[in-house]
Amino acid sequence: MHFMSKNTLVYLFYYIGLVLAGLFVSNLLMLLTWLSANGWQLDELSYTGDIVSQLGREQLFVQQIASQVLALILPSVWFIRRITNEHMSVQTQTFYWSFLVKAFIFFALSLPLVSLSAYLNALIPLASWMESSSSRMAEFLDRLLIFEQTSDVVLAFIAIAIVPAMAEELAFRGVLQNLFTRWTGNSWSGLLLAALLFSTIHMQFDGFIPRFLLGALLGFVYWKGGNLWYPIGLHFLNNAAQLIALVYLDDATTDIMQ
């Protein structure tokens, strides 16, 4: 696949612009949702602070799904189909179930290393702003991961397992890993840069290293498999397994890549 390297940075900034536009629309929808629930009282905004903390659980699920779709899925699909066109394809090889099985085994065998990295990550002192960011994200997840009825589990699977697997793999592997690879001219550099950004963007620094390794593993599978459905499937299985553990065992041993 030939790619005009001199235009790679232009494409990268264009894609970032699409993502930021999607985030703006997502946040605007969240604001409108909050206002509709509060009688459209604009003066309440100055006394509320964090709008997210004021949303109900169902509203949080909707906001989570909307932000993934508007900020990652739609910009990624648009970018791949309309901007790069024939210069970059997310699927260079045919999908084979046999490769997915091999990739799953490779991924599963790598999880002990991920768990070790989580232990080492916990030993690293974090700056106060990192601890604050991690705490906010943990509180947000805690609000989502409360299962009082079957519909809560269904919504959680959609918002935390299905949609993020598609959204984040389209963005970080489908677009960014390809762009970084063509920018640096090296597949390993592109893979690691995408994994680094993948971990950073989650703003959970108490799990930065294991999430970076998970991103690198997914990037490696995508690189070798040449088909985006492989990392999407593994990403979904990882998040789904953690949700099942939370629902039925009240425990989770690996980061949810949400």
C-alpha atoms as a PDB file:
ATOM      1  CA  MET A   1       0.000   0.000   0.000  1.00  0.00           C
ATOM      2  CA  HIS A   2       1.661   3.201  -1.157  1.00  0.00           C
ATOM      3  CA  PHE A   3       1.043   6.184   1.073  1.00  0.00           C
ATOM      4  CA  MET A   4       2.182   9.772   0.470  1.00  0.00           C
ATOM      5  CA  SER A   5       4.316  10.261   3.603  1.00  0.00           C
ATOM      6  CA  LYS A   6       4.560  14.046   3.138  1.00  0.00           C
ATOM      7  CA  ASN A   7       0.808  14.227   3.711  1.00  0.00           C
ATOM      8  CA  THR A   8       0.713  11.916   6.732  1.00  0.00           C
ATOM      9  CA  LEU A   9       0.848  14.694   9.320  1.00  0.00           C
ATOM     10  CA  VAL A  10      -1.840  16.598   7.448  1.00  0.00           C
ATOM     11  CA  TYR A  11      -4.038  13.501   7.539  1.00  0.00           C
ATOM     12  CA  LEU A  12      -3.260  13.017  11.230  1.00  0.00           C
ATOM     13  CA  PHE A  13      -4.285  16.551  12.183  1.00  0.00           C
ATOM     14  CA  TYR A  14      -7.354  16.278   9.980  1.00  0.00           C
ATOM     15  CA  TYR A  15      -8.371  13.116  11.799  1.00  0.00           C
ATOM     16  CA  ILE A  16      -7.779  14.760  15.188  1.00  0.00           C
ATOM     17  CA  GLY A  17     -10.034  17.587  14.048  1.00  0.00           C
ATOM     18  CA  LEU A  18     -12.787  15.105  13.177  1.00  0.00           C
ATOM     19  CA  VAL A  19     -12.450  13.470  16.611  1.00  0.00           C
ATOM     20  CA  LEU A  20     -12.585  16.836  18.398  1.00  0.00           C
ATOM     21  CA  ALA A  21     -15.674  17.784  16.388  1.00  0.00           C
ATOM     22  CA  GLY A  22     -17.300  14.523  17.435  1.00  0.00           C
ATOM     23  CA  LEU A  23     -16.422  15.187  21.077  1.00  0.00           C
ATOM     24  CA  PHE A  24     -17.934  18.658  20.818  1.00  0.00           C
ATOM     25  CA  VAL A  25     -21.208  17.266  19.453  1.00  0.00           C
ATOM     26  CA  SER A  26     -21.200  14.533  22.124  1.00  0.00           C
ATOM     27  CA  ASN A  27     -20.663  17.046  24.926  1.00  0.00           C
ATOM     28  CA  LEU A  28     -23.306  19.312  23.453  1.00  0.00           C
ATOM     29  CA  LEU A  29     -25.789  16.438  23.529  1.00  0.00           C
ATOM     30  CA  MET A  30     -24.819  15.747  27.142  1.00  0.00           C
ATOM     31  CA  LEU A  31     -25.443  19.389  28.014  1.00  0.00           C
ATOM     32  CA  LEU A  32     -28.838  19.337  26.289  1.00  0.00           C
ATOM     33  CA  THR A  33     -29.710  16.111  28.121  1.00  0.00           C
ATOM     34  CA  TRP A  34     -28.818  17.708  31.447  1.00  0.00           C
ATOM     35  CA  LEU A  35     -30.773  20.875  30.656  1.00  0.00           C
ATOM     36  CA  SER A  36     -33.861  18.922  29.601  1.00  0.00           C
ATOM     37  CA  ALA A  37     -33.755  17.016  32.891  1.00  0.00           C
ATOM     38  CA  ASN A  38     -33.466  20.291  34.827  1.00  0.00           C
ATOM     39  CA  GLY A  39     -36.237  22.263  33.172  1.00  0.00           C
ATOM     40  CA  TRP A  40     -33.898  24.144  30.835  1.00  0.00           C
ATOM     41  CA  GLN A  41     -32.688  26.311  33.694  1.00  0.00           C
ATOM     42  CA  LEU A  42     -29.428  27.768  32.407  1.00  0.00           C
ATOM     43  CA  ASP A  43     -28.754  29.528  35.705  1.00  0.00           C
ATOM     44  CA  GLU A  44     -28.358  26.117  37.370  1.00  0.00           C
ATOM     45  CA  LEU A  45     -25.152  25.521  35.423  1.00  0.00           C
ATOM     46  CA  SER A  46     -23.133  27.934  37.554  1.00  0.00           C
ATOM     47  CA  TYR A  47     -23.988  25.981  40.705  1.00  0.00           C
ATOM     48  CA  THR A  48     -23.690  22.431  39.433  1.00  0.00           C
ATOM     49  CA  GLY A  49     -20.039  21.899  38.560  1.00  0.00           C
ATOM     50  CA  ASP A  50     -19.481  18.552  36.861  1.00  0.00           C
ATOM     51  CA  ILE A  51     -22.489  17.752  34.678  1.00  0.00           C
ATOM     52  CA  VAL A  52     -21.502  14.092  34.341  1.00  0.00           C
ATOM     53  CA  SER A  53     -21.944  13.589  38.091  1.00  0.00           C
ATOM     54  CA  GLN A  54     -25.521  14.851  37.767  1.00  0.00           C
ATOM     55  CA  LEU A  55     -26.574  12.364  35.097  1.00  0.00           C
ATOM     56  CA  GLY A  56     -28.531   9.218  35.954  1.00  0.00           C
ATOM     57  CA  ARG A  57     -27.113   5.777  35.141  1.00  0.00           C
ATOM     58  CA  GLU A  58     -29.182   5.295  31.980  1.00  0.00           C
ATOM     59  CA  GLN A  59     -28.164   8.762  30.829  1.00  0.00           C
ATOM     60  CA  LEU A  60     -24.528   7.846  31.512  1.00  0.00           C
ATOM     61  CA  PHE A  61     -24.852   4.732  29.362  1.00  0.00           C
ATOM     62  CA  VAL A  62     -26.374   6.753  26.526  1.00  0.00           C
ATOM     63  CA  GLN A  63     -23.654   9.390  26.854  1.00  0.00           C
ATOM     64  CA  GLN A  64     -20.944   6.741  26.854  1.00  0.00           C
ATOM     65  CA  ILE A  65     -22.288   5.132  23.687  1.00  0.00           C
ATOM     66  CA  ALA A  66     -22.890   8.495  21.997  1.00  0.00           C
ATOM     67  CA  SER A  67     -19.361   9.716  22.714  1.00  0.00           C
ATOM     68  CA  GLN A  68     -17.822   6.519  21.301  1.00  0.00           C
ATOM     69  CA  VAL A  69     -19.961   6.654  18.167  1.00  0.00           C
ATOM     70  CA  LEU A  70     -19.634  10.396  17.516  1.00  0.00           C
ATOM     71  CA  ALA A  71     -15.997  10.878  18.516  1.00  0.00           C
ATOM     72  CA  LEU A  72     -14.431   7.618  17.311  1.00  0.00           C
ATOM     73  CA  ILE A  73     -16.586   5.407  15.082  1.00  0.00           C
ATOM     74  CA  LEU A  74     -18.019   8.013  12.719  1.00  0.00           C
ATOM     75  CA  PRO A  75     -14.779  10.032  12.323  1.00  0.00           C
ATOM     76  CA  SER A  76     -12.782   6.827  11.756  1.00  0.00           C
ATOM     77  CA  VAL A  77     -15.171   5.420   9.182  1.00  0.00           C
ATOM     78  CA  TRP A  78     -15.369   8.787   7.405  1.00  0.00           C
ATOM     79  CA  PHE A  79     -11.595   9.169   7.436  1.00  0.00           C
ATOM     80  CA  ILE A  80     -10.916   5.676   6.129  1.00  0.00           C
ATOM     81  CA  ARG A  81     -13.557   5.737   3.401  1.00  0.00           C
ATOM     82  CA  ARG A  82     -13.491   9.358   2.290  1.00  0.00           C
ATOM     83  CA  ILE A  83     -10.115  10.850   3.088  1.00  0.00           C
ATOM     84  CA  THR A  84      -7.453   8.180   2.596  1.00  0.00           C
ATOM     85  CA  ASN A  85      -9.513   6.154   0.107  1.00  0.00           C
ATOM     86  CA  GLU A  86      -7.213   3.722  -1.672  1.00  0.00           C
ATOM     87  CA  HIS A  87      -4.103   4.989   0.152  1.00  0.00           C
ATOM     88  CA  MET A  88      -4.937   3.223   3.408  1.00  0.00           C
ATOM     89  CA  SER A  89      -7.064   0.161   4.062  1.00  0.00           C
ATOM     90  CA  VAL A  90      -7.917  -1.314   7.461  1.00  0.00           C
ATOM     91  CA  GLN A  91      -8.303  -4.773   5.937  1.00  0.00           C
ATOM     92  CA  THR A  92      -5.381  -5.966   3.874  1.00  0.00           C
ATOM     93  CA  GLN A  93      -5.988  -9.688   4.366  1.00  0.00           C
ATOM     94  CA  THR A  94      -8.964 -12.026   4.413  1.00  0.00           C
ATOM     95  CA  PHE A  95     -10.501 -12.883   7.781  1.00  0.00           C
ATOM     96  CA  TYR A  96      -9.748 -16.425   8.947  1.00  0.00           C
ATOM     97  CA  TRP A  97     -11.273 -18.004  12.042  1.00  0.00           C
ATOM     98  CA  SER A  98      -8.132 -20.098  12.480  1.00  0.00           C
ATOM     99  CA  PHE A  99      -6.022 -16.944  12.839  1.00  0.00           C
ATOM    100  CA  LEU A 100      -8.498 -15.512  15.354  1.00  0.00           C
ATOM    101  CA  VAL A 101      -8.138 -18.678  17.457  1.00  0.00           C
ATOM    102  CA  LYS A 102      -4.340 -18.409  17.307  1.00  0.00           C
ATOM    103  CA  ALA A 103      -4.544 -14.716  18.169  1.00  0.00           C
ATOM    104  CA  PHE A 104      -6.796 -15.505  21.133  1.00  0.00           C
ATOM    105  CA  ILE A 105      -4.328 -18.090  22.450  1.00  0.00           C
ATOM    106  CA  PHE A 106      -1.448 -15.613  22.017  1.00  0.00           C
ATOM    107  CA  PHE A 107      -3.470 -12.916  23.774  1.00  0.00           C
ATOM    108  CA  ALA A 108      -4.460 -15.236  26.652  1.00  0.00           C
ATOM    109  CA  LEU A 109      -0.879 -16.436  27.172  1.00  0.00           C
ATOM    110  CA  SER A 110       0.253 -12.806  27.368  1.00  0.00           C
ATOM    111  CA  LEU A 111      -2.175 -11.863  30.156  1.00  0.00           C
ATOM    112  CA  PRO A 112       0.163 -12.976  33.000  1.00  0.00           C
ATOM    113  CA  LEU A 113       2.686 -10.427  31.708  1.00  0.00           C
ATOM    114  CA  VAL A 114      -0.073  -7.815  31.703  1.00  0.00           C
ATOM    115  CA  SER A 115      -0.962  -8.725  35.298  1.00  0.00           C
ATOM    116  CA  LEU A 116       2.703  -8.419  36.313  1.00  0.00           C
ATOM    117  CA  SER A 117       2.878  -5.001  34.687  1.00  0.00           C
ATOM    118  CA  ALA A 118      -0.205  -3.952  36.675  1.00  0.00           C
ATOM    119  CA  TYR A 119       1.610  -4.919  39.882  1.00  0.00           C
ATOM    120  CA  LEU A 120       4.685  -2.937  38.836  1.00  0.00           C
ATOM    121  CA  ASN A 121       2.516   0.021  37.821  1.00  0.00           C
ATOM    122  CA  ALA A 122       1.039   0.089  41.333  1.00  0.00           C
ATOM    123  CA  LEU A 123       4.551   0.540  42.762  1.00  0.00           C
ATOM    124  CA  ILE A 124       5.150   3.727  40.769  1.00  0.00           C
ATOM    125  CA  PRO A 125       4.220   6.945  42.634  1.00  0.00           C
ATOM    126  CA  LEU A 126       1.857   9.127  40.641  1.00  0.00           C
ATOM    127  CA  ALA A 127       1.616  12.890  40.480  1.00  0.00           C
ATOM    128  CA  SER A 128      -1.413  14.352  42.228  1.00  0.00           C
ATOM    129  CA  TRP A 129      -3.116  15.251  38.937  1.00  0.00           C
ATOM    130  CA  MET A 130      -2.652  11.679  37.727  1.00  0.00           C
ATOM    131  CA  GLU A 131      -4.186  10.281  40.919  1.00  0.00           C
ATOM    132  CA  SER A 132      -7.077  12.726  40.609  1.00  0.00           C
ATOM    133  CA  SER A 133      -7.703  11.759  36.983  1.00  0.00           C
ATOM    134  CA  SER A 134      -7.569   8.046  37.800  1.00  0.00           C
ATOM    135  CA  SER A 135      -9.975   8.524  40.714  1.00  0.00           C
ATOM    136  CA  ARG A 136     -12.493  10.380  38.560  1.00  0.00           C
ATOM    137  CA  MET A 137     -12.431   7.651  35.920  1.00  0.00           C
ATOM    138  CA  ALA A 138     -12.765   4.954  38.592  1.00  0.00           C
ATOM    139  CA  GLU A 139     -15.788   6.727  40.080  1.00  0.00           C
ATOM    140  CA  PHE A 140     -17.326   7.000  36.624  1.00  0.00           C
ATOM    141  CA  LEU A 141     -16.883   3.260  36.001  1.00  0.00           C
ATOM    142  CA  ASP A 142     -18.226   2.435  39.457  1.00  0.00           C
ATOM    143  CA  ARG A 143     -21.431   4.282  38.601  1.00  0.00           C
ATOM    144  CA  LEU A 144     -21.799   2.306  35.381  1.00  0.00           C
ATOM    145  CA  LEU A 145     -20.931  -1.076  36.856  1.00  0.00           C
ATOM    146  CA  ILE A 146     -23.890  -1.440  39.202  1.00  0.00           C
ATOM    147  CA  PHE A 147     -26.087  -4.362  38.203  1.00  0.00           C
ATOM    148  CA  GLU A 148     -29.539  -4.268  39.782  1.00  0.00           C
ATOM    149  CA  GLN A 149     -31.462  -5.849  36.918  1.00  0.00           C
ATOM    150  CA  THR A 150     -30.932  -7.652  33.623  1.00  0.00           C
ATOM    151  CA  SER A 151     -31.236  -4.458  31.587  1.00  0.00           C
ATOM    152  CA  ASP A 152     -28.230  -3.032  33.456  1.00  0.00           C
ATOM    153  CA  VAL A 153     -26.095  -5.959  32.307  1.00  0.00           C
ATOM    154  CA  VAL A 154     -27.294  -5.597  28.706  1.00  0.00           C
ATOM    155  CA  LEU A 155     -26.553  -1.870  28.672  1.00  0.00           C
ATOM    156  CA  ALA A 156     -23.132  -2.485  30.205  1.00  0.00           C
ATOM    157  CA  PHE A 157     -22.243  -5.024  27.517  1.00  0.00           C
ATOM    158  CA  ILE A 158     -23.266  -2.578  24.807  1.00  0.00           C
ATOM    159  CA  ALA A 159     -21.577   0.473  26.349  1.00  0.00           C
ATOM    160  CA  ILE A 160     -18.425  -1.163  27.735  1.00  0.00           C
ATOM    161  CA  ALA A 161     -17.794  -4.284  25.647  1.00  0.00           C
ATOM    162  CA  ILE A 162     -19.325  -4.008  22.178  1.00  0.00           C
ATOM    163  CA  VAL A 163     -19.157  -0.317  21.264  1.00  0.00           C
ATOM    164  CA  PRO A 164     -15.684   0.458  22.719  1.00  0.00           C
ATOM    165  CA  ALA A 165     -14.184  -2.605  21.018  1.00  0.00           C
ATOM    166  CA  MET A 166     -15.336  -1.340  17.636  1.00  0.00           C
ATOM    167  CA  ALA A 167     -14.708   2.358  18.319  1.00  0.00           C
ATOM    168  CA  GLU A 168     -11.257   2.106  19.837  1.00  0.00           C
ATOM    169  CA  GLU A 169      -9.926  -0.453  17.372  1.00  0.00           C
ATOM    170  CA  LEU A 170     -11.168   1.576  14.421  1.00  0.00           C
ATOM    171  CA  ALA A 171      -9.455   4.656  15.854  1.00  0.00           C
ATOM    172  CA  PHE A 172      -6.232   3.361  17.384  1.00  0.00           C
ATOM    173  CA  ARG A 173      -5.450   0.423  15.130  1.00  0.00           C
ATOM    174  CA  GLY A 174      -7.422   1.167  11.959  1.00  0.00           C
ATOM    175  CA  VAL A 175      -6.456   4.827  11.650  1.00  0.00           C
ATOM    176  CA  LEU A 176      -3.706   5.862  14.062  1.00  0.00           C
ATOM    177  CA  GLN A 177      -1.485   2.780  13.877  1.00  0.00           C
ATOM    178  CA  ASN A 178      -1.573   3.005  10.088  1.00  0.00           C
ATOM    179  CA  LEU A 179      -0.804   6.727  10.141  1.00  0.00           C
ATOM    180  CA  PHE A 180       2.013   6.403  12.678  1.00  0.00           C
ATOM    181  CA  THR A 181       3.510   3.493  10.720  1.00  0.00           C
ATOM    182  CA  ARG A 182       3.555   5.525   7.513  1.00  0.00           C
ATOM    183  CA  TRP A 183       4.822   8.621   9.322  1.00  0.00           C
ATOM    184  CA  THR A 184       7.770   6.791  10.938  1.00  0.00           C
ATOM    185  CA  GLY A 185       8.278   4.230   8.177  1.00  0.00           C
ATOM    186  CA  ASN A 186       8.449   1.487  10.802  1.00  0.00           C
ATOM    187  CA  SER A 187       5.684  -0.951  11.804  1.00  0.00           C
ATOM    188  CA  TRP A 188       6.956  -1.353  15.375  1.00  0.00           C
ATOM    189  CA  SER A 189       7.082   2.424  15.904  1.00  0.00           C
ATOM    190  CA  GLY A 190       3.561   2.821  14.559  1.00  0.00           C
ATOM    191  CA  LEU A 191       2.300   0.004  16.760  1.00  0.00           C
ATOM    192  CA  LEU A 192       3.926   1.362  19.935  1.00  0.00           C
ATOM    193  CA  LEU A 193       2.915   4.977  19.327  1.00  0.00           C
ATOM    194  CA  ALA A 194      -0.712   3.940  18.848  1.00  0.00           C
ATOM    195  CA  ALA A 195      -0.563   1.808  22.001  1.00  0.00           C
ATOM    196  CA  LEU A 196       0.971   4.705  23.943  1.00  0.00           C
ATOM    197  CA  LEU A 197      -1.787   7.060  22.853  1.00  0.00           C
ATOM    198  CA  PHE A 198      -4.372   4.342  23.523  1.00  0.00           C
ATOM    199  CA  SER A 199      -3.270   4.071  27.140  1.00  0.00           C
ATOM    200  CA  THR A 200      -2.838   7.811  27.659  1.00  0.00           C
ATOM    201  CA  ILE A 201      -6.268   8.775  26.340  1.00  0.00           C
ATOM    202  CA  HIS A 202      -7.999   6.657  29.004  1.00  0.00           C
ATOM    203  CA  MET A 203      -6.610   8.966  31.718  1.00  0.00           C
ATOM    204  CA  GLN A 204      -6.277   6.071  34.179  1.00  0.00           C
ATOM    205  CA  PHE A 205      -2.608   6.281  35.080  1.00  0.00           C
ATOM    206  CA  ASP A 206      -2.810   3.699  37.850  1.00  0.00           C
ATOM    207  CA  GLY A 207      -3.261   1.192  35.017  1.00  0.00           C
ATOM    208  CA  PHE A 208      -1.177   2.913  32.335  1.00  0.00           C
ATOM    209  CA  ILE A 209       1.428   0.174  31.768  1.00  0.00           C
ATOM    210  CA  PRO A 210      -0.954  -2.815  31.521  1.00  0.00           C
ATOM    211  CA  ARG A 211      -3.260  -0.892  29.206  1.00  0.00           C
ATOM    212  CA  PHE A 212      -0.260   0.066  27.065  1.00  0.00           C
ATOM    213  CA  LEU A 213       0.718  -3.607  26.830  1.00  0.00           C
ATOM    214  CA  LEU A 214      -2.842  -4.593  25.948  1.00  0.00           C
ATOM    215  CA  GLY A 215      -2.850  -1.964  23.210  1.00  0.00           C
ATOM    216  CA  ALA A 216       0.500  -3.224  21.926  1.00  0.00           C
ATOM    217  CA  LEU A 217      -0.783  -6.811  21.865  1.00  0.00           C
ATOM    218  CA  LEU A 218      -3.860  -5.756  19.893  1.00  0.00           C
ATOM    219  CA  GLY A 219      -1.679  -3.732  17.551  1.00  0.00           C
ATOM    220  CA  PHE A 220       0.623  -6.695  16.985  1.00  0.00           C
ATOM    221  CA  VAL A 221      -2.333  -8.955  16.167  1.00  0.00           C
ATOM    222  CA  TYR A 222      -3.654  -6.357  13.716  1.00  0.00           C
ATOM    223  CA  TRP A 223      -0.237  -5.942  12.114  1.00  0.00           C
ATOM    224  CA  LYS A 224       0.275  -9.655  11.601  1.00  0.00           C
ATOM    225  CA  GLY A 225      -3.341 -10.502  10.773  1.00  0.00           C
ATOM    226  CA  GLY A 226      -4.005  -7.595   8.452  1.00  0.00           C
ATOM    227  CA  ASN A 227      -7.673  -7.496   9.398  1.00  0.00           C
ATOM    228  CA  LEU A 228      -9.268  -5.177  11.937  1.00  0.00           C
ATOM    229  CA  TRP A 229     -11.811  -7.774  13.056  1.00  0.00           C
ATOM    230  CA  TYR A 230      -9.079  -9.651  14.934  1.00  0.00           C
ATOM    231  CA  PRO A 231      -8.281  -6.883  17.476  1.00  0.00           C
ATOM    232  CA  ILE A 232     -11.966  -5.939  17.649  1.00  0.00           C
ATOM    233  CA  GLY A 233     -12.821  -9.516  18.628  1.00  0.00           C
ATOM    234  CA  LEU A 234     -10.036  -9.735  21.217  1.00  0.00           C
ATOM    235  CA  HIS A 235     -10.892  -6.317  22.652  1.00  0.00           C
ATOM    236  CA  PHE A 236     -14.520  -7.362  23.009  1.00  0.00           C
ATOM    237  CA  LEU A 237     -13.628 -10.693  24.625  1.00  0.00           C
ATOM    238  CA  ASN A 238     -11.344  -8.971  27.149  1.00  0.00           C
ATOM    239  CA  ASN A 239     -13.958  -6.429  28.205  1.00  0.00           C
ATOM    240  CA  ALA A 240     -16.788  -8.977  28.145  1.00  0.00           C
ATOM    241  CA  ALA A 241     -14.803 -11.386  30.337  1.00  0.00           C
ATOM    242  CA  GLN A 242     -14.248  -8.659  32.914  1.00  0.00           C
ATOM    243  CA  LEU A 243     -17.930  -7.741  32.899  1.00  0.00           C
ATOM    244  CA  ILE A 244     -18.923 -11.375  33.381  1.00  0.00           C
ATOM    245  CA  ALA A 245     -16.469 -11.604  36.283  1.00  0.00           C
ATOM    246  CA  LEU A 246     -18.001  -8.498  37.837  1.00  0.00           C
ATOM    247  CA  VAL A 247     -21.567  -9.744  37.391  1.00  0.00           C
ATOM    248  CA  TYR A 248     -21.135 -13.330  38.538  1.00  0.00           C
ATOM    249  CA  LEU A 249     -17.963 -13.310  40.634  1.00  0.00           C
ATOM    250  CA  ASP A 250     -17.868  -9.699  41.800  1.00  0.00           C
ATOM    251  CA  ASP A 251     -14.247  -9.626  40.740  1.00  0.00           C
ATOM    252  CA  ALA A 252     -12.126  -8.544  37.792  1.00  0.00           C
ATOM    253  CA  THR A 253      -8.437  -9.222  37.323  1.00  0.00           C
ATOM    254  CA  THR A 254      -7.636  -7.357  34.130  1.00  0.00           C
ATOM    255  CA  ASP A 255      -8.219  -3.786  33.005  1.00  0.00           C
ATOM    256  CA  ILE A 256     -11.426  -3.094  31.154  1.00  0.00           C
ATOM    257  CA  MET A 257     -10.186  -1.279  28.042  1.00  0.00           C
ATOM    258  CA  GLN A 258     -13.149   1.021  28.041  1.00  0.00           C
END
